[in-house]
């Protein structure tokens, strides 16, 4: 067993860590020691914060290195993917590379039915317009969208479920951060 184990209970890095982030240290080596010591990120000195940020960068890069990271933010019927990026550097302090225009993703739209649900899977090409045959396929099940593969909106009142899926033919490493469907799609 390792001498030190770092366990992240949520994805956190120098962009998401904040003053109220709590850090637990479990002391298993001394029977007299308190088993758990908790402190806040704001309790650290500047150099301690920087050291922790470097450790977090290294840890998250082990998972995300080389990945296309899709960040899906939803507000009502608006889907915003503009903060998506390619994780091509260990440090999260440095600017990330934007996802190249035309990078593929599949979006599944599902509508509830009496006997079974109906769905359509359409191609999303980052920062490019949806294809007319895909828009027509969505219209067949009552879904209308406007926008493009960077941000789009469902413009009708039909309730539906929307999920994002890595296309089967794509060999890139994808991470999809979506509140509704948070999943890591491995290589």
N, C-alpha and C. Protein backbone atom coordinates (compact mmCIF):
# COMPACT_ATOMS: atom_id res chain seq x y z
N UNK A 1 0.84 -1.18 0.00
CA UNK A 1 0.00 0.00 0.00
C UNK A 1 0.89 1.24 0.00
N UNK A 2 0.42 2.27 -0.65
CA UNK A 2 1.16 3.53 -0.73
C UNK A 2 1.26 4.19 0.64
N UNK A 3 2.30 5.01 0.78
CA UNK A 3 2.46 5.77 2.03
C UNK A 3 1.46 6.92 2.11
N UNK A 4 1.16 7.51 0.97
CA UNK A 4 0.21 8.62 0.92
C UNK A 4 -0.83 8.32 -0.14
N UNK A 5 -2.10 8.49 0.21
CA UNK A 5 -3.20 8.29 -0.73
C UNK A 5 -3.97 9.61 -0.81
N UNK A 6 -4.11 10.14 -2.00
CA UNK A 6 -4.91 11.35 -2.21
C UNK A 6 -6.18 10.93 -2.91
N UNK A 7 -7.30 11.25 -2.29
CA UNK A 7 -8.60 10.87 -2.83
C UNK A 7 -9.40 12.13 -3.12
N UNK A 8 -9.75 12.32 -4.38
CA UNK A 8 -10.60 13.44 -4.75
C UNK A 8 -12.04 12.95 -4.76
N UNK A 9 -12.91 13.62 -4.00
CA UNK A 9 -14.32 13.23 -3.95
C UNK A 9 -15.15 13.97 -4.99
N UNK A 10 -14.54 14.94 -5.64
CA UNK A 10 -15.17 15.68 -6.71
C UNK A 10 -14.05 16.19 -7.61
N UNK A 11 -14.37 16.47 -8.87
CA UNK A 11 -13.34 17.03 -9.74
C UNK A 11 -13.04 18.44 -9.26
N UNK A 12 -11.79 18.68 -8.96
CA UNK A 12 -11.40 19.99 -8.47
C UNK A 12 -10.02 20.31 -8.99
N UNK A 13 -9.83 21.54 -9.37
CA UNK A 13 -8.51 22.01 -9.82
C UNK A 13 -8.41 23.48 -9.48
N UNK A 14 -7.34 24.13 -9.92
CA UNK A 14 -7.14 25.52 -9.52
C UNK A 14 -8.23 26.45 -10.04
N UNK A 15 -9.00 26.01 -11.04
CA UNK A 15 -10.10 26.84 -11.54
C UNK A 15 -11.36 26.69 -10.68
N UNK A 16 -11.52 25.54 -10.04
CA UNK A 16 -12.76 25.28 -9.31
C UNK A 16 -12.60 25.31 -7.80
N UNK A 17 -11.37 25.28 -7.30
CA UNK A 17 -11.17 25.31 -5.85
C UNK A 17 -11.50 26.72 -5.33
N UNK A 18 -12.05 26.79 -4.15
CA UNK A 18 -12.45 28.09 -3.59
C UNK A 18 -12.15 28.11 -2.09
N UNK A 19 -12.32 29.27 -1.49
CA UNK A 19 -11.94 29.48 -0.08
C UNK A 19 -12.60 28.49 0.86
N UNK A 20 -13.84 28.07 0.58
CA UNK A 20 -14.56 27.17 1.48
C UNK A 20 -14.33 25.70 1.19
N UNK A 21 -13.50 25.38 0.20
CA UNK A 21 -13.19 23.98 -0.08
C UNK A 21 -12.52 23.38 1.15
N UNK A 22 -13.05 22.24 1.61
CA UNK A 22 -12.47 21.60 2.80
C UNK A 22 -11.52 20.49 2.38
N UNK A 23 -10.50 20.32 3.20
CA UNK A 23 -9.48 19.31 2.96
C UNK A 23 -9.40 18.46 4.22
N UNK A 24 -9.54 17.17 4.06
CA UNK A 24 -9.45 16.23 5.19
C UNK A 24 -8.13 15.49 5.12
N UNK A 25 -7.42 15.44 6.22
CA UNK A 25 -6.20 14.64 6.33
C UNK A 25 -6.52 13.51 7.31
N UNK A 26 -6.40 12.27 6.86
CA UNK A 26 -6.63 11.11 7.70
C UNK A 26 -5.28 10.59 8.15
N UNK A 27 -5.07 10.55 9.45
CA UNK A 27 -3.80 10.06 10.01
C UNK A 27 -3.99 8.62 10.48
N UNK A 28 -3.52 7.69 9.69
CA UNK A 28 -3.64 6.27 10.04
C UNK A 28 -2.37 5.73 10.68
N UNK A 29 -1.30 6.51 10.76
CA UNK A 29 -0.01 5.98 11.19
C UNK A 29 0.22 6.05 12.69
N UNK A 30 -0.52 6.87 13.41
CA UNK A 30 -0.28 6.99 14.86
C UNK A 30 -1.59 6.76 15.60
N UNK A 31 -1.58 5.82 16.51
CA UNK A 31 -2.81 5.48 17.23
C UNK A 31 -3.26 6.63 18.13
N UNK A 32 -2.32 7.46 18.58
CA UNK A 32 -2.66 8.58 19.47
C UNK A 32 -3.15 9.80 18.70
N UNK A 33 -2.88 9.87 17.40
CA UNK A 33 -3.24 11.04 16.61
C UNK A 33 -4.74 11.07 16.36
N UNK A 34 -5.25 12.26 16.16
CA UNK A 34 -6.64 12.37 15.75
C UNK A 34 -6.78 11.71 14.38
N UNK A 35 -7.79 10.88 14.20
CA UNK A 35 -7.91 10.17 12.92
C UNK A 35 -8.22 11.09 11.74
N UNK A 36 -8.79 12.27 12.00
CA UNK A 36 -9.17 13.16 10.91
C UNK A 36 -8.89 14.60 11.29
N UNK A 37 -8.22 15.30 10.39
CA UNK A 37 -7.96 16.71 10.58
C UNK A 37 -8.54 17.42 9.36
N UNK A 38 -9.44 18.37 9.59
CA UNK A 38 -10.10 19.09 8.50
C UNK A 38 -9.73 20.56 8.55
N UNK A 39 -9.41 21.12 7.39
CA UNK A 39 -9.16 22.56 7.31
C UNK A 39 -9.66 23.05 5.96
N UNK A 40 -9.75 24.36 5.83
CA UNK A 40 -10.24 24.97 4.59
C UNK A 40 -9.07 25.45 3.75
N UNK A 41 -9.31 25.51 2.47
CA UNK A 41 -8.32 26.00 1.52
C UNK A 41 -7.87 27.39 1.91
N UNK A 42 -8.78 28.20 2.42
CA UNK A 42 -8.44 29.58 2.80
C UNK A 42 -7.46 29.63 3.98
N UNK A 43 -7.31 28.52 4.72
CA UNK A 43 -6.36 28.47 5.85
C UNK A 43 -4.91 28.31 5.38
N UNK A 44 -4.69 27.98 4.12
CA UNK A 44 -3.35 27.74 3.61
C UNK A 44 -2.64 29.05 3.26
N UNK A 45 -1.33 29.03 3.36
CA UNK A 45 -0.54 30.19 2.91
C UNK A 45 -0.49 30.18 1.38
N UNK A 46 0.01 31.26 0.81
CA UNK A 46 0.11 31.36 -0.65
C UNK A 46 0.94 30.24 -1.25
N UNK A 47 2.09 29.93 -0.65
CA UNK A 47 2.95 28.87 -1.19
C UNK A 47 2.31 27.49 -1.00
N UNK A 48 1.57 27.31 0.10
CA UNK A 48 0.89 26.02 0.31
C UNK A 48 -0.24 25.84 -0.71
N UNK A 49 -0.96 26.94 -1.00
CA UNK A 49 -2.01 26.86 -2.01
C UNK A 49 -1.41 26.51 -3.37
N UNK A 50 -0.31 27.14 -3.73
CA UNK A 50 0.32 26.86 -5.02
C UNK A 50 0.79 25.41 -5.09
N UNK A 51 1.35 24.89 -3.99
CA UNK A 51 1.79 23.49 -3.97
C UNK A 51 0.60 22.55 -4.14
N UNK A 52 -0.51 22.84 -3.45
CA UNK A 52 -1.70 22.01 -3.59
C UNK A 52 -2.25 22.10 -5.01
N UNK A 53 -2.27 23.30 -5.58
CA UNK A 53 -2.75 23.45 -6.96
C UNK A 53 -1.91 22.64 -7.94
N UNK A 54 -0.60 22.60 -7.72
CA UNK A 54 0.27 21.80 -8.60
C UNK A 54 -0.03 20.31 -8.46
N UNK A 55 -0.29 19.86 -7.24
CA UNK A 55 -0.65 18.45 -7.02
C UNK A 55 -1.98 18.15 -7.71
N UNK A 56 -2.97 19.04 -7.54
CA UNK A 56 -4.27 18.83 -8.18
C UNK A 56 -4.15 18.82 -9.70
N UNK A 57 -3.33 19.73 -10.25
CA UNK A 57 -3.11 19.74 -11.70
C UNK A 57 -2.55 18.40 -12.17
N UNK A 58 -1.57 17.89 -11.43
CA UNK A 58 -0.96 16.61 -11.81
C UNK A 58 -1.99 15.48 -11.74
N UNK A 59 -2.77 15.47 -10.66
CA UNK A 59 -3.77 14.41 -10.49
C UNK A 59 -4.82 14.46 -11.60
N UNK A 60 -5.35 15.65 -11.88
CA UNK A 60 -6.40 15.72 -12.91
C UNK A 60 -5.83 15.47 -14.30
N UNK A 61 -4.57 15.84 -14.52
CA UNK A 61 -3.97 15.60 -15.83
C UNK A 61 -3.77 14.10 -16.08
N UNK A 62 -3.54 13.34 -15.01
CA UNK A 62 -3.43 11.88 -15.16
C UNK A 62 -4.71 11.31 -15.74
N UNK A 63 -5.85 11.90 -15.41
CA UNK A 63 -7.14 11.45 -15.94
C UNK A 63 -7.47 12.13 -17.26
N UNK A 64 -7.22 13.44 -17.34
CA UNK A 64 -7.69 14.23 -18.47
C UNK A 64 -6.66 14.47 -19.56
N UNK A 65 -5.41 14.11 -19.34
CA UNK A 65 -4.36 14.44 -20.30
C UNK A 65 -4.69 14.00 -21.72
N UNK A 66 -4.71 14.94 -22.63
CA UNK A 66 -5.00 14.65 -24.03
C UNK A 66 -6.48 14.54 -24.35
N UNK A 67 -7.34 14.71 -23.36
CA UNK A 67 -8.77 14.52 -23.58
C UNK A 67 -9.43 15.76 -24.19
N UNK A 68 -10.48 15.50 -24.91
CA UNK A 68 -11.39 16.56 -25.32
C UNK A 68 -12.44 16.61 -24.22
N UNK A 69 -12.46 17.74 -23.50
CA UNK A 69 -13.34 17.89 -22.34
C UNK A 69 -14.55 18.73 -22.77
N UNK A 70 -15.70 18.09 -22.80
CA UNK A 70 -16.95 18.75 -23.18
C UNK A 70 -17.65 19.21 -21.91
N UNK A 71 -17.78 20.50 -21.73
CA UNK A 71 -18.52 21.06 -20.61
C UNK A 71 -19.87 21.55 -21.12
N UNK A 72 -20.93 20.89 -20.65
CA UNK A 72 -22.28 21.22 -21.08
C UNK A 72 -22.97 21.99 -19.95
N UNK A 73 -23.33 23.22 -20.22
CA UNK A 73 -24.07 24.03 -19.26
C UNK A 73 -25.48 24.24 -19.80
N UNK A 74 -26.46 23.94 -18.95
CA UNK A 74 -27.86 24.03 -19.36
C UNK A 74 -28.56 25.13 -18.57
N UNK A 75 -29.29 25.95 -19.28
CA UNK A 75 -30.19 26.92 -18.67
C UNK A 75 -31.52 26.77 -19.38
N UNK A 76 -32.47 26.20 -18.66
CA UNK A 76 -33.76 25.89 -19.25
C UNK A 76 -33.55 25.03 -20.49
N UNK A 77 -33.83 25.57 -21.67
CA UNK A 77 -33.70 24.79 -22.91
C UNK A 77 -32.48 25.21 -23.72
N UNK A 78 -31.56 25.94 -23.11
CA UNK A 78 -30.35 26.40 -23.79
C UNK A 78 -29.18 25.51 -23.36
N UNK A 79 -28.42 25.04 -24.34
CA UNK A 79 -27.27 24.18 -24.10
C UNK A 79 -26.02 24.92 -24.57
N UNK A 80 -25.10 25.14 -23.66
CA UNK A 80 -23.90 25.94 -23.95
C UNK A 80 -22.66 25.05 -23.78
N UNK A 81 -21.92 24.87 -24.87
CA UNK A 81 -20.70 24.06 -24.85
C UNK A 81 -19.45 24.91 -25.06
N UNK A 82 -19.57 26.23 -24.96
CA UNK A 82 -18.46 27.14 -25.28
C UNK A 82 -17.27 27.01 -24.34
N UNK A 83 -17.44 26.49 -23.15
CA UNK A 83 -16.30 26.36 -22.24
C UNK A 83 -15.60 25.01 -22.38
N UNK A 84 -15.93 24.26 -23.41
CA UNK A 84 -15.25 22.98 -23.68
C UNK A 84 -13.83 23.26 -24.17
N UNK A 85 -12.93 22.30 -23.98
CA UNK A 85 -11.53 22.52 -24.32
C UNK A 85 -10.79 21.20 -24.52
N UNK A 86 -9.57 21.30 -24.99
CA UNK A 86 -8.67 20.16 -25.09
C UNK A 86 -7.70 20.27 -23.92
N UNK A 87 -7.60 19.25 -23.09
CA UNK A 87 -6.68 19.28 -21.95
C UNK A 87 -5.31 18.84 -22.45
N UNK A 88 -4.54 19.81 -22.95
CA UNK A 88 -3.24 19.51 -23.55
C UNK A 88 -2.07 20.03 -22.72
N UNK A 89 -2.34 20.51 -21.52
CA UNK A 89 -1.27 20.96 -20.63
C UNK A 89 -1.59 20.50 -19.22
N UNK A 90 -0.55 20.22 -18.45
CA UNK A 90 -0.78 19.77 -17.08
C UNK A 90 -1.35 20.90 -16.23
N UNK A 91 -0.80 22.08 -16.34
CA UNK A 91 -1.25 23.19 -15.51
C UNK A 91 -2.60 23.69 -15.99
N UNK A 92 -3.54 23.85 -15.06
CA UNK A 92 -4.83 24.44 -15.41
C UNK A 92 -4.76 25.96 -15.30
N UNK A 93 -3.61 26.47 -14.91
CA UNK A 93 -3.42 27.92 -14.84
C UNK A 93 -3.20 28.51 -16.24
N UNK A 94 -2.59 27.73 -17.11
CA UNK A 94 -2.34 28.19 -18.47
C UNK A 94 -3.61 28.08 -19.29
N UNK A 95 -3.79 28.93 -20.29
CA UNK A 95 -4.98 28.83 -21.13
C UNK A 95 -5.06 27.47 -21.82
N UNK A 96 -6.26 26.97 -21.97
CA UNK A 96 -6.45 25.68 -22.64
C UNK A 96 -6.68 25.93 -24.13
N UNK A 97 -6.55 24.87 -24.89
CA UNK A 97 -6.79 24.93 -26.32
C UNK A 97 -8.27 24.71 -26.58
N UNK A 98 -8.86 25.55 -27.42
CA UNK A 98 -10.26 25.37 -27.77
C UNK A 98 -10.44 24.07 -28.56
N UNK A 99 -11.61 23.48 -28.43
CA UNK A 99 -11.93 22.31 -29.24
C UNK A 99 -11.95 22.77 -30.70
N UNK A 100 -11.29 22.04 -31.58
CA UNK A 100 -11.30 22.44 -32.99
C UNK A 100 -12.71 22.44 -33.58
N UNK A 101 -13.00 23.44 -34.39
CA UNK A 101 -14.29 23.48 -35.09
C UNK A 101 -14.47 22.18 -35.85
N UNK A 102 -15.68 21.66 -35.82
CA UNK A 102 -16.00 20.42 -36.54
C UNK A 102 -15.76 19.15 -35.75
N UNK A 103 -15.30 19.25 -34.49
CA UNK A 103 -15.13 18.05 -33.65
C UNK A 103 -16.51 17.44 -33.40
N UNK A 104 -16.59 16.13 -33.55
CA UNK A 104 -17.89 15.44 -33.52
C UNK A 104 -18.34 15.05 -32.12
N UNK A 105 -19.64 15.13 -31.91
CA UNK A 105 -20.33 14.65 -30.72
C UNK A 105 -21.70 14.17 -31.19
N UNK A 106 -22.28 13.25 -30.49
CA UNK A 106 -23.64 12.80 -30.79
C UNK A 106 -24.56 13.32 -29.69
N UNK A 107 -25.71 13.85 -30.09
CA UNK A 107 -26.71 14.31 -29.14
C UNK A 107 -27.96 13.46 -29.33
N UNK A 108 -28.45 12.94 -28.22
CA UNK A 108 -29.64 12.10 -28.26
C UNK A 108 -30.81 12.89 -27.66
N UNK A 109 -31.87 13.01 -28.43
CA UNK A 109 -33.10 13.67 -27.99
C UNK A 109 -34.15 12.57 -27.81
N UNK A 110 -34.74 12.51 -26.62
CA UNK A 110 -35.71 11.45 -26.33
C UNK A 110 -37.03 12.07 -25.88
N UNK A 111 -38.11 11.61 -26.49
CA UNK A 111 -39.45 12.11 -26.20
C UNK A 111 -40.27 10.96 -25.63
N UNK A 112 -40.99 11.24 -24.55
CA UNK A 112 -41.81 10.21 -23.92
C UNK A 112 -42.97 9.81 -24.83
N UNK A 113 -43.27 8.52 -24.82
CA UNK A 113 -44.38 8.00 -25.61
C UNK A 113 -45.31 7.19 -24.74
N UNK A 114 -46.46 6.76 -25.30
CA UNK A 114 -47.43 5.98 -24.53
C UNK A 114 -46.91 4.57 -24.25
N UNK A 115 -46.39 3.92 -25.27
CA UNK A 115 -45.89 2.56 -25.11
C UNK A 115 -44.39 2.56 -24.86
N UNK A 116 -43.68 3.30 -25.66
CA UNK A 116 -42.23 3.41 -25.49
C UNK A 116 -41.77 4.80 -25.93
N UNK A 117 -40.62 5.19 -25.43
CA UNK A 117 -40.08 6.49 -25.79
C UNK A 117 -39.54 6.48 -27.22
N UNK A 118 -39.55 7.64 -27.84
CA UNK A 118 -39.01 7.82 -29.18
C UNK A 118 -37.77 8.69 -29.06
N UNK A 119 -36.73 8.34 -29.81
CA UNK A 119 -35.53 9.16 -29.74
C UNK A 119 -34.91 9.30 -31.13
N UNK A 120 -34.08 10.32 -31.23
CA UNK A 120 -33.25 10.53 -32.41
C UNK A 120 -31.86 10.91 -31.92
N UNK A 121 -30.87 10.34 -32.56
CA UNK A 121 -29.49 10.72 -32.30
C UNK A 121 -28.99 11.49 -33.51
N UNK A 122 -28.49 12.70 -33.26
CA UNK A 122 -28.02 13.54 -34.35
C UNK A 122 -26.57 13.92 -34.09
N UNK A 123 -25.89 14.26 -35.16
CA UNK A 123 -24.49 14.68 -35.05
C UNK A 123 -24.42 16.15 -34.67
N UNK A 124 -23.52 16.42 -33.74
CA UNK A 124 -23.19 17.79 -33.38
C UNK A 124 -21.75 17.98 -33.79
N UNK A 125 -21.49 19.00 -34.56
CA UNK A 125 -20.14 19.33 -34.99
C UNK A 125 -19.80 20.64 -34.31
N UNK A 126 -18.79 20.63 -33.45
CA UNK A 126 -18.52 21.81 -32.62
C UNK A 126 -18.39 23.07 -33.47
N UNK A 127 -19.14 24.10 -33.10
CA UNK A 127 -19.12 25.42 -33.71
C UNK A 127 -19.57 25.42 -35.18
N UNK A 128 -20.30 24.39 -35.58
CA UNK A 128 -20.83 24.33 -36.95
C UNK A 128 -22.33 24.09 -36.89
N UNK A 129 -23.03 24.45 -37.97
CA UNK A 129 -24.48 24.29 -38.02
C UNK A 129 -24.86 22.81 -38.02
N UNK A 130 -26.05 22.55 -37.46
CA UNK A 130 -26.60 21.20 -37.54
C UNK A 130 -26.96 20.91 -38.99
N UNK A 131 -26.83 19.67 -39.40
CA UNK A 131 -27.16 19.28 -40.77
C UNK A 131 -28.67 19.23 -40.96
N UNK A 132 -29.12 19.61 -42.14
CA UNK A 132 -30.55 19.64 -42.44
C UNK A 132 -31.22 18.28 -42.23
N UNK A 133 -30.62 17.15 -42.67
CA UNK A 133 -31.27 15.86 -42.41
C UNK A 133 -31.44 15.58 -40.91
N UNK A 134 -30.49 16.05 -40.08
CA UNK A 134 -30.62 15.86 -38.64
C UNK A 134 -31.75 16.71 -38.07
N UNK A 135 -31.87 17.96 -38.54
CA UNK A 135 -32.96 18.83 -38.10
C UNK A 135 -34.31 18.25 -38.52
N UNK A 136 -34.36 17.67 -39.72
CA UNK A 136 -35.59 17.02 -40.20
C UNK A 136 -35.94 15.81 -39.34
N UNK A 137 -34.93 15.03 -38.96
CA UNK A 137 -35.16 13.85 -38.11
C UNK A 137 -35.71 14.27 -36.74
N UNK A 138 -35.21 15.37 -36.21
CA UNK A 138 -35.73 15.87 -34.93
C UNK A 138 -37.17 16.37 -35.08
N UNK A 139 -37.45 17.03 -36.19
CA UNK A 139 -38.80 17.54 -36.44
C UNK A 139 -39.82 16.40 -36.49
N UNK A 140 -39.38 15.22 -36.96
CA UNK A 140 -40.28 14.05 -37.03
C UNK A 140 -40.81 13.66 -35.65
N UNK A 141 -40.04 13.94 -34.60
CA UNK A 141 -40.50 13.60 -33.24
C UNK A 141 -40.93 14.85 -32.46
N UNK A 142 -41.05 15.98 -33.18
CA UNK A 142 -41.57 17.19 -32.56
C UNK A 142 -40.54 18.09 -31.91
N UNK A 143 -39.27 17.91 -32.21
CA UNK A 143 -38.21 18.72 -31.60
C UNK A 143 -37.71 19.74 -32.63
N UNK A 144 -37.62 20.98 -32.21
CA UNK A 144 -37.07 22.04 -33.05
C UNK A 144 -35.94 22.70 -32.28
N UNK A 145 -34.79 22.87 -32.94
CA UNK A 145 -33.66 23.53 -32.28
C UNK A 145 -33.13 24.65 -33.17
N UNK A 146 -32.54 25.64 -32.51
CA UNK A 146 -31.84 26.70 -33.22
C UNK A 146 -30.44 26.80 -32.62
N UNK A 147 -29.53 27.35 -33.37
CA UNK A 147 -28.15 27.49 -32.90
C UNK A 147 -27.24 26.56 -33.67
N UNK A 148 -26.10 26.27 -33.07
CA UNK A 148 -25.13 25.41 -33.73
C UNK A 148 -24.47 24.48 -32.71
N UNK A 149 -23.39 23.85 -33.10
CA UNK A 149 -22.72 22.88 -32.25
C UNK A 149 -21.89 23.48 -31.14
N UNK A 150 -22.00 24.77 -30.91
CA UNK A 150 -21.33 25.41 -29.77
C UNK A 150 -22.36 25.79 -28.70
N UNK A 151 -23.49 26.29 -29.15
CA UNK A 151 -24.60 26.55 -28.25
C UNK A 151 -25.90 26.50 -29.05
N UNK A 152 -26.89 25.83 -28.46
CA UNK A 152 -28.16 25.67 -29.17
C UNK A 152 -29.31 25.71 -28.17
N UNK A 153 -30.51 25.89 -28.71
CA UNK A 153 -31.70 26.00 -27.88
C UNK A 153 -32.82 25.17 -28.48
N UNK A 154 -33.55 24.48 -27.61
CA UNK A 154 -34.78 23.80 -28.03
C UNK A 154 -35.86 24.86 -28.01
N UNK A 155 -36.52 25.08 -29.14
CA UNK A 155 -37.44 26.21 -29.25
C UNK A 155 -38.91 25.83 -29.20
N UNK A 156 -39.22 24.57 -28.98
CA UNK A 156 -40.62 24.18 -28.87
C UNK A 156 -40.94 23.83 -27.42
N UNK A 157 -42.19 23.52 -27.14
CA UNK A 157 -42.62 23.24 -25.77
C UNK A 157 -42.77 21.76 -25.46
N UNK A 158 -42.23 20.91 -26.31
CA UNK A 158 -42.32 19.48 -26.09
C UNK A 158 -41.26 19.05 -25.10
N UNK A 159 -41.64 18.45 -23.98
CA UNK A 159 -40.61 18.00 -23.04
C UNK A 159 -39.80 16.85 -23.64
N UNK A 160 -38.51 16.88 -23.40
CA UNK A 160 -37.66 15.81 -23.90
C UNK A 160 -36.42 15.69 -23.02
N UNK A 161 -35.77 14.59 -23.14
CA UNK A 161 -34.52 14.35 -22.44
C UNK A 161 -33.40 14.49 -23.47
N UNK A 162 -32.32 15.18 -23.08
CA UNK A 162 -31.19 15.38 -23.98
C UNK A 162 -29.95 14.81 -23.32
N UNK A 163 -29.21 14.01 -24.06
CA UNK A 163 -27.96 13.47 -23.53
C UNK A 163 -26.88 13.54 -24.61
N UNK A 164 -25.65 13.58 -24.15
CA UNK A 164 -24.50 13.72 -25.05
C UNK A 164 -23.69 12.44 -25.01
N UNK A 165 -23.29 11.97 -26.20
CA UNK A 165 -22.65 10.66 -26.33
C UNK A 165 -21.44 10.80 -27.25
N UNK A 166 -20.38 10.11 -26.91
CA UNK A 166 -19.22 10.07 -27.80
C UNK A 166 -19.58 9.24 -29.02
N UNK A 167 -19.35 9.77 -30.23
CA UNK A 167 -19.63 8.97 -31.43
C UNK A 167 -18.75 7.72 -31.47
N UNK A 168 -19.33 6.62 -31.89
CA UNK A 168 -18.61 5.34 -31.90
C UNK A 168 -17.38 5.33 -32.78
N UNK A 169 -17.38 6.09 -33.85
CA UNK A 169 -16.26 6.06 -34.79
C UNK A 169 -15.10 6.96 -34.36
N UNK A 170 -15.27 7.72 -33.30
CA UNK A 170 -14.23 8.65 -32.86
C UNK A 170 -13.27 7.94 -31.90
N UNK A 171 -11.97 8.05 -32.17
CA UNK A 171 -10.99 7.37 -31.31
C UNK A 171 -10.43 8.29 -30.23
N UNK A 172 -10.73 9.59 -30.29
CA UNK A 172 -10.23 10.51 -29.27
C UNK A 172 -10.80 10.17 -27.90
N UNK A 173 -10.09 10.61 -26.87
CA UNK A 173 -10.51 10.44 -25.48
C UNK A 173 -11.44 11.59 -25.13
N UNK A 174 -12.68 11.29 -24.79
CA UNK A 174 -13.67 12.30 -24.45
C UNK A 174 -14.00 12.25 -22.96
N UNK A 175 -14.18 13.40 -22.36
CA UNK A 175 -14.78 13.52 -21.03
C UNK A 175 -15.97 14.45 -21.20
N UNK A 176 -17.13 13.99 -20.77
CA UNK A 176 -18.35 14.79 -20.90
C UNK A 176 -18.80 15.18 -19.49
N UNK A 177 -18.72 16.47 -19.21
CA UNK A 177 -19.18 17.01 -17.93
C UNK A 177 -20.56 17.63 -18.16
N UNK A 178 -21.57 16.92 -17.70
CA UNK A 178 -22.95 17.35 -17.90
C UNK A 178 -23.72 17.03 -16.63
N UNK A 179 -24.39 18.02 -16.05
CA UNK A 179 -25.12 17.82 -14.81
C UNK A 179 -26.14 16.69 -14.95
N UNK A 180 -26.80 16.65 -16.08
CA UNK A 180 -27.82 15.63 -16.32
C UNK A 180 -27.21 14.26 -16.60
N UNK A 181 -26.07 14.25 -17.22
CA UNK A 181 -25.46 12.99 -17.62
C UNK A 181 -23.95 13.14 -17.48
N UNK A 182 -23.46 13.02 -16.26
CA UNK A 182 -22.02 13.20 -16.02
C UNK A 182 -21.34 11.86 -16.22
N UNK A 183 -20.54 11.78 -17.26
CA UNK A 183 -19.89 10.51 -17.54
C UNK A 183 -18.52 10.76 -18.17
N UNK A 184 -17.65 9.81 -17.94
CA UNK A 184 -16.36 9.80 -18.62
C UNK A 184 -16.42 8.68 -19.64
N UNK A 185 -16.13 9.03 -20.88
CA UNK A 185 -16.14 8.03 -21.95
C UNK A 185 -14.69 7.71 -22.26
N UNK A 186 -14.23 6.52 -21.88
CA UNK A 186 -12.80 6.21 -22.04
C UNK A 186 -12.39 6.05 -23.49
N UNK A 187 -11.06 5.97 -23.66
CA UNK A 187 -10.48 5.82 -25.01
C UNK A 187 -11.05 4.62 -25.72
